[in-house]
Amino acid sequence: MNLSPLGTGPEFDKIRRIWQALCDRAAFGGDDCAIVQVGKETLAISTDMAVEGTHFQPGWLTQYELGWRAGAAALSDLAAVAATPRGVLVSLGLSREWPDEFVTELMEGVADVAQSVGAVVWGGDVVRSDRLVIDVTVVGSVERAVLRSGAAVGDILWVTGSFGGPLTAIRAWESRREPERAARERFAHPEPRVAQALWLRDRGATAMIDLSDGLLPDTGQLAAASGVQCVINQESIPKHPFTEDHATALLSGEEFELLVALPHETAADVAAKFEQEFAREFTRIGHTESGSGVSLQLNGAPLELSLSMGYRHF
């Protein structure tokens, strides 16, 4: 097996045990997608599951938004390796009580987010379930994959977008309040950064990862895979307009933005051109050094890190 080292946490301990048990019966890579050679073509394949009660609660989103969000989460994995999306397959676990029109609306959301990045729905499966489950498999073609493992000492770390919106929305719902529209939109309607990833690949990005579990844990995955220490400056993290503080921006998961490593020599020029090309935020948040793990700093002084920061499934 050709494995990229994984970062810390119970979820990844489980994955490591699976790897060890399957041995040569599997070909896991440890990245956002499996990179598979089929004849002369290289494919990127990934799967992502959204489960009622884990990723969302009843009443938070419309059926259309549920479909869009689940599709976007899976397609974001293709963006993370700079793959061009081709198709999606969707398996649904549904209650008997779900009306047919709800299913149609959900799948329209999946189809629209797929279409937004050039992909189509290829098929799927439907089964009975006590809670809603949306499992999306995505397939893309790869010219040159940008993996988590490519960062080198001295690279500069950048992120697309701003952070904290999804967690701000969740906290409002959990307090029985309706979130501010902009925060709700960040949770309900994430946009896979496919075009940005392909553009960054062509301009020398050395490593990328999509930010689904939170900035700190996902940065830890990139650091582990690349064998470097990632230094993050907390004051540099771009906050969503309705995010109260940088701690919320750090903790917020399911952002589906990109963390990108760029060579020091070209990073500033690439960043300036990125903002001209896409009219979106692209922010320098740190750099890589010799060592391991993630170092969080505030105005140059180290801050204590907790392994529980960010989203944890287990």
Protein backbone atom coordinates (compact mmCIF):
# COMPACT_ATOMS: atom_id res chain seq x y z
CA MET A 1 0.00 0.00 0.00
CA ASN A 2 1.14 3.53 -0.79
CA LEU A 3 -0.04 5.42 2.28
CA SER A 4 0.23 9.06 3.28
CA PRO A 5 0.63 9.36 7.06
CA LEU A 6 -2.52 10.48 8.87
CA GLY A 7 -2.82 13.00 11.67
CA THR A 8 -4.10 12.41 15.20
CA GLY A 9 -7.60 11.62 16.42
CA PRO A 10 -9.92 8.64 17.10
CA GLU A 11 -11.40 8.71 13.58
CA PHE A 12 -7.96 8.33 12.03
CA ASP A 13 -6.94 5.69 14.55
CA LYS A 14 -9.84 3.63 13.22
CA ILE A 15 -8.69 4.20 9.63
CA ARG A 16 -5.14 3.12 10.52
CA ARG A 17 -6.49 -0.11 12.05
CA ILE A 18 -8.47 -0.77 8.87
CA TRP A 19 -5.36 -0.24 6.75
CA GLN A 20 -3.37 -2.64 8.90
CA ALA A 21 -6.09 -5.30 8.75
CA LEU A 22 -6.59 -5.13 4.97
CA CYS A 23 -2.88 -5.01 4.07
CA ASP A 24 -2.37 -5.83 0.37
CA ARG A 25 -6.11 -6.32 -0.19
CA ALA A 26 -6.50 -2.53 -0.29
CA ALA A 27 -4.85 0.41 -2.01
CA PHE A 28 -5.66 3.31 0.30
CA GLY A 29 -3.70 6.48 -0.27
CA GLY A 30 -4.59 8.65 2.72
CA ASP A 31 -5.71 11.64 0.63
CA ASP A 32 -9.06 13.28 -0.07
CA CYS A 33 -9.56 10.92 -3.04
CA ALA A 34 -8.34 7.58 -4.26
CA ILE A 35 -6.18 8.18 -7.35
CA VAL A 36 -6.74 5.28 -9.73
CA GLN A 37 -5.07 4.52 -13.06
CA VAL A 38 -7.51 3.07 -15.60
CA GLY A 39 -5.75 2.44 -18.89
CA LYS A 40 -4.30 5.76 -20.00
CA GLU A 41 -6.62 7.80 -17.81
CA THR A 42 -6.14 8.77 -14.17
CA LEU A 43 -9.29 9.03 -12.07
CA ALA A 44 -10.00 10.55 -8.66
CA ILE A 45 -12.77 8.80 -6.72
CA SER A 46 -14.24 9.70 -3.35
CA THR A 47 -17.35 9.12 -1.26
CA ASP A 48 -18.94 11.29 1.42
CA MET A 49 -21.92 10.62 3.68
CA ALA A 50 -24.37 13.04 5.30
CA VAL A 51 -26.43 11.58 8.15
CA GLU A 52 -29.42 13.14 9.90
CA GLY A 53 -28.54 13.79 13.52
CA THR A 54 -24.81 13.91 12.80
CA HIS A 55 -24.38 16.45 10.01
CA PHE A 56 -27.72 18.22 10.25
CA GLN A 57 -30.97 18.20 12.23
CA PRO A 58 -34.53 17.97 10.86
CA GLY A 59 -35.89 21.38 9.97
CA TRP A 60 -32.57 23.11 9.45
CA LEU A 61 -32.54 22.85 5.66
CA THR A 62 -34.92 22.36 2.76
CA GLN A 63 -34.76 19.12 0.80
CA TYR A 64 -33.07 20.94 -2.07
CA GLU A 65 -30.44 22.36 0.29
CA LEU A 66 -29.79 18.93 1.79
CA GLY A 67 -29.03 17.58 -1.67
CA TRP A 68 -26.87 20.53 -2.68
CA ARG A 69 -24.87 20.39 0.53
CA ALA A 70 -24.26 16.63 0.40
CA GLY A 71 -23.18 16.85 -3.24
CA ALA A 72 -20.93 19.83 -2.57
CA ALA A 73 -19.19 18.04 0.31
CA ALA A 74 -18.26 15.10 -1.91
CA LEU A 75 -17.28 17.26 -4.88
CA SER A 76 -15.03 19.29 -2.58
CA ASP A 77 -12.86 16.18 -2.26
CA LEU A 78 -12.26 16.31 -6.02
CA ALA A 79 -11.31 19.98 -5.74
CA ALA A 80 -8.81 19.09 -3.01
CA VAL A 81 -6.74 16.98 -5.42
CA ALA A 82 -7.31 19.27 -8.44
CA ALA A 83 -9.51 16.80 -10.30
CA THR A 84 -12.08 17.71 -12.95
CA PRO A 85 -15.51 16.35 -11.87
CA ARG A 86 -17.25 13.94 -14.25
CA GLY A 87 -20.10 12.21 -12.42
CA VAL A 88 -21.79 11.46 -9.10
CA LEU A 89 -23.68 8.46 -7.72
CA VAL A 90 -26.10 8.92 -4.85
CA SER A 91 -27.40 6.34 -2.36
CA LEU A 92 -30.31 7.45 -0.18
CA GLY A 93 -31.62 6.01 3.08
CA LEU A 94 -35.20 7.27 3.46
CA SER A 95 -38.08 6.97 5.88
CA ARG A 96 -41.33 5.44 4.57
CA GLU A 97 -42.99 8.76 5.39
CA TRP A 98 -40.85 10.80 3.01
CA PRO A 99 -43.05 12.07 0.12
CA ASP A 100 -41.79 11.40 -3.40
CA GLU A 101 -41.59 15.12 -4.10
CA PHE A 102 -39.09 15.49 -1.23
CA VAL A 103 -36.83 12.90 -2.84
CA THR A 104 -37.06 14.70 -6.18
CA GLU A 105 -36.22 18.06 -4.59
CA LEU A 106 -33.21 16.56 -2.80
CA MET A 107 -31.87 15.04 -6.01
CA GLU A 108 -32.39 18.32 -7.85
CA GLY A 109 -30.04 19.89 -5.32
CA VAL A 110 -27.44 17.19 -5.98
CA ALA A 111 -27.83 17.56 -9.74
CA ASP A 112 -27.51 21.35 -9.65
CA VAL A 113 -24.31 21.39 -7.61
CA ALA A 114 -22.88 18.68 -9.87
CA GLN A 115 -23.81 20.71 -12.95
CA SER A 116 -22.19 23.82 -11.43
CA VAL A 117 -18.78 22.11 -11.69
CA GLY A 118 -19.37 20.26 -14.97
CA ALA A 119 -20.53 16.87 -13.66
CA VAL A 120 -23.77 14.88 -14.01
CA VAL A 121 -25.67 12.35 -11.91
CA TRP A 122 -24.87 8.81 -13.06
CA GLY A 123 -27.22 6.85 -10.79
CA GLY A 124 -27.50 5.47 -7.28
CA ASP A 125 -29.64 3.45 -4.88
CA VAL A 126 -32.59 3.96 -2.49
CA VAL A 127 -33.22 1.98 0.72
CA ARG A 128 -35.49 2.32 3.75
CA SER A 129 -33.93 3.94 6.81
CA ASP A 130 -35.14 5.35 10.13
CA ARG A 131 -33.13 8.50 9.50
CA LEU A 132 -32.13 10.34 6.35
CA VAL A 133 -28.78 9.23 4.92
CA ILE A 134 -27.24 10.75 1.79
CA ASP A 135 -24.16 8.98 0.48
CA VAL A 136 -22.51 10.60 -2.55
CA THR A 137 -19.73 9.03 -4.62
CA VAL A 138 -17.86 11.31 -7.02
CA VAL A 139 -15.56 10.55 -9.93
CA GLY A 140 -13.22 12.98 -11.65
CA SER A 141 -10.37 12.93 -14.13
CA VAL A 142 -6.88 13.98 -13.13
CA GLU A 143 -4.18 15.70 -15.15
CA ARG A 144 -1.85 16.12 -12.16
CA ALA A 145 -3.10 15.38 -8.67
CA VAL A 146 -2.16 17.83 -5.92
CA LEU A 147 -1.94 15.75 -2.76
CA ARG A 148 -1.64 16.48 0.95
CA SER A 149 1.87 15.08 0.91
CA GLY A 150 3.56 17.63 -1.36
CA ALA A 151 4.31 20.53 0.97
CA ALA A 152 7.98 21.36 1.58
CA VAL A 153 9.73 23.24 4.36
CA GLY A 154 9.45 26.97 3.65
CA ASP A 155 6.14 26.82 1.75
CA ILE A 156 3.55 29.49 2.50
CA LEU A 157 0.05 28.42 3.63
CA TRP A 158 -3.02 30.09 2.16
CA VAL A 159 -6.79 29.57 2.44
CA THR A 160 -9.67 30.38 0.17
CA GLY A 161 -12.72 32.14 1.61
CA SER A 162 -13.55 33.05 5.20
CA PHE A 163 -14.30 30.90 8.23
CA GLY A 164 -16.84 30.46 10.99
CA GLY A 165 -20.11 30.78 9.09
CA PRO A 166 -21.23 27.14 9.40
CA LEU A 167 -20.52 26.96 13.14
CA THR A 168 -22.23 30.32 13.69
CA ALA A 169 -25.34 28.96 11.93
CA ILE A 170 -25.30 25.72 13.95
CA ARG A 171 -25.00 27.60 17.24
CA ALA A 172 -28.03 29.72 16.29
CA TRP A 173 -30.14 26.65 15.43
CA GLU A 174 -29.08 24.92 18.64
CA SER A 175 -30.19 28.03 20.56
CA ARG A 176 -33.56 27.85 18.75
CA ARG A 177 -32.82 30.95 16.71
CA GLU A 178 -32.79 31.41 12.96
CA PRO A 179 -29.22 32.12 11.80
CA GLU A 180 -28.27 35.30 10.00
CA ARG A 181 -28.87 34.78 6.29
CA ALA A 182 -25.19 34.92 5.32
CA ALA A 183 -24.18 32.38 7.98
CA ARG A 184 -27.05 30.09 7.03
CA GLU A 185 -26.01 30.31 3.37
CA ARG A 186 -22.46 29.23 4.23
CA PHE A 187 -23.84 26.10 5.90
CA ALA A 188 -26.57 25.30 3.38
CA HIS A 189 -24.91 26.22 0.10
CA PRO A 190 -21.15 25.55 0.10
CA GLU A 191 -19.44 25.84 -3.28
CA PRO A 192 -16.83 23.24 -4.30
CA ARG A 193 -13.67 25.18 -5.16
CA VAL A 194 -12.98 23.19 -8.31
CA ALA A 195 -12.07 26.06 -10.63
CA GLN A 196 -9.80 27.59 -8.00
CA ALA A 197 -8.05 24.27 -7.35
CA LEU A 198 -7.32 23.67 -11.03
CA TRP A 199 -5.99 27.22 -11.37
CA LEU A 200 -3.75 26.83 -8.32
CA ARG A 201 -2.48 23.46 -9.57
CA ASP A 202 -1.33 25.13 -12.79
CA ARG A 203 0.51 27.78 -10.78
CA GLY A 204 2.59 25.47 -8.66
CA ALA A 205 0.52 24.53 -5.61
CA THR A 206 2.54 21.88 -3.79
CA ALA A 207 -0.20 20.52 -1.50
CA MET A 208 -3.94 20.99 -0.90
CA ILE A 209 -6.66 19.72 1.39
CA ASP A 210 -10.32 20.66 1.69
CA LEU A 211 -11.40 21.97 5.07
CA SER A 212 -14.23 19.76 6.32
CA ASP A 213 -13.29 18.88 9.93
CA GLY A 214 -11.95 22.34 10.78
CA LEU A 215 -8.87 24.39 10.01
CA LEU A 216 -6.67 22.95 12.77
CA PRO A 217 -7.36 19.20 12.34
CA ASP A 218 -7.22 19.40 8.56
CA THR A 219 -3.97 21.37 8.69
CA GLY A 220 -2.71 18.56 10.94
CA GLN A 221 -3.52 16.07 8.19
CA LEU A 222 -1.52 18.06 5.65
CA ALA A 223 1.38 18.39 8.09
CA ALA A 224 1.40 14.63 8.79
CA ALA A 225 1.22 13.68 5.11
CA SER A 226 3.97 16.12 4.10
CA GLY A 227 6.26 15.48 7.08
CA VAL A 228 6.43 19.16 8.05
CA GLN A 229 5.25 21.42 10.85
CA CYS A 230 2.53 23.88 9.86
CA VAL A 231 2.64 27.21 11.68
CA ILE A 232 -0.70 29.09 11.71
CA ASN A 233 -1.08 32.72 12.73
CA GLN A 234 -4.47 32.97 14.44
CA GLU A 235 -4.82 36.70 13.80
CA SER A 236 -4.48 36.10 10.06
CA ILE A 237 -7.41 33.67 9.75
CA PRO A 238 -10.18 35.38 7.74
CA LYS A 239 -13.45 35.49 9.69
CA HIS A 240 -16.89 35.23 8.16
CA PRO A 241 -18.75 38.55 8.71
CA PHE A 242 -21.09 37.02 11.33
CA THR A 243 -18.33 35.15 13.17
CA GLU A 244 -17.62 36.64 16.57
CA ASP A 245 -13.97 35.67 17.06
CA HIS A 246 -11.01 33.80 15.65
CA ALA A 247 -11.67 30.85 17.95
CA THR A 248 -14.99 30.24 16.16
CA ALA A 249 -13.20 30.46 12.82
CA LEU A 250 -10.70 27.85 14.02
CA LEU A 251 -13.35 25.50 15.39
CA SER A 252 -15.82 25.70 12.50
CA GLY A 253 -16.01 22.54 10.41
CA GLU A 254 -17.57 21.78 7.04
CA GLU A 255 -16.28 24.98 5.45
CA PHE A 256 -15.28 23.14 2.25
CA GLU A 257 -12.68 25.78 1.48
CA LEU A 258 -9.11 24.91 0.46
CA LEU A 259 -5.89 25.01 2.44
CA VAL A 260 -3.08 25.44 -0.08
CA ALA A 261 0.71 25.30 0.17
CA LEU A 262 2.64 27.44 -2.33
CA PRO A 263 6.40 27.84 -2.82
CA HIS A 264 7.75 30.88 -0.98
CA GLU A 265 9.27 32.35 -4.16
CA THR A 266 6.00 32.58 -6.10
CA ALA A 267 3.31 32.67 -3.41
CA ALA A 268 2.71 36.44 -3.27
CA ASP A 269 2.44 36.76 -7.04
CA VAL A 270 0.07 33.77 -7.28
CA ALA A 271 -2.09 35.18 -4.48
CA ALA A 272 -2.42 38.59 -6.15
CA LYS A 273 -3.43 37.00 -9.43
CA PHE A 274 -5.87 34.64 -7.66
CA GLU A 275 -7.86 37.53 -6.23
CA GLN A 276 -7.93 39.23 -9.63
CA GLU A 277 -9.06 36.02 -11.35
CA PHE A 278 -11.78 34.96 -8.91
CA ALA A 279 -12.68 38.11 -6.93
CA ARG A 280 -12.53 35.97 -3.77
CA GLU A 281 -10.51 36.09 -0.60
CA PHE A 282 -7.18 34.27 -0.65
CA THR A 283 -5.38 34.77 2.62
CA ARG A 284 -1.92 33.92 3.89
CA ILE A 285 -2.32 32.24 7.28
CA GLY A 286 1.09 30.70 7.96
CA HIS A 287 4.01 28.67 6.67
CA THR A 288 5.76 25.32 6.99
CA GLU A 289 8.87 24.52 9.01
CA SER A 290 10.94 21.49 9.91
CA GLY A 291 9.17 19.37 12.50
CA SER A 292 5.71 17.87 12.81
CA GLY A 293 2.15 18.75 13.69
CA VAL A 294 0.57 22.20 13.91
CA SER A 295 1.83 25.22 15.83
CA LEU A 296 -0.74 27.95 16.51
CA GLN A 297 0.55 31.44 17.19
CA LEU A 298 -0.98 34.77 18.13
CA ASN A 299 1.11 37.81 17.19
CA GLY A 300 4.19 35.60 17.16
CA ALA A 301 3.57 33.97 20.58
CA PRO A 302 2.66 30.26 20.77
CA LEU A 303 -0.83 29.23 21.85
CA GLU A 304 -1.78 25.94 23.47
CA LEU A 305 -3.54 23.48 21.16
CA SER A 306 -6.22 20.98 22.13
CA LEU A 307 -6.74 17.76 20.20
CA SER A 308 -10.49 18.33 20.56
CA MET A 309 -10.43 21.56 18.53
CA GLY A 310 -12.44 21.14 15.34
CA TYR A 311 -15.06 18.53 14.48
CA ARG A 312 -14.56 14.95 15.73
CA HIS A 313 -16.80 12.04 14.69
CA PHE A 314 -15.57 9.83 17.56
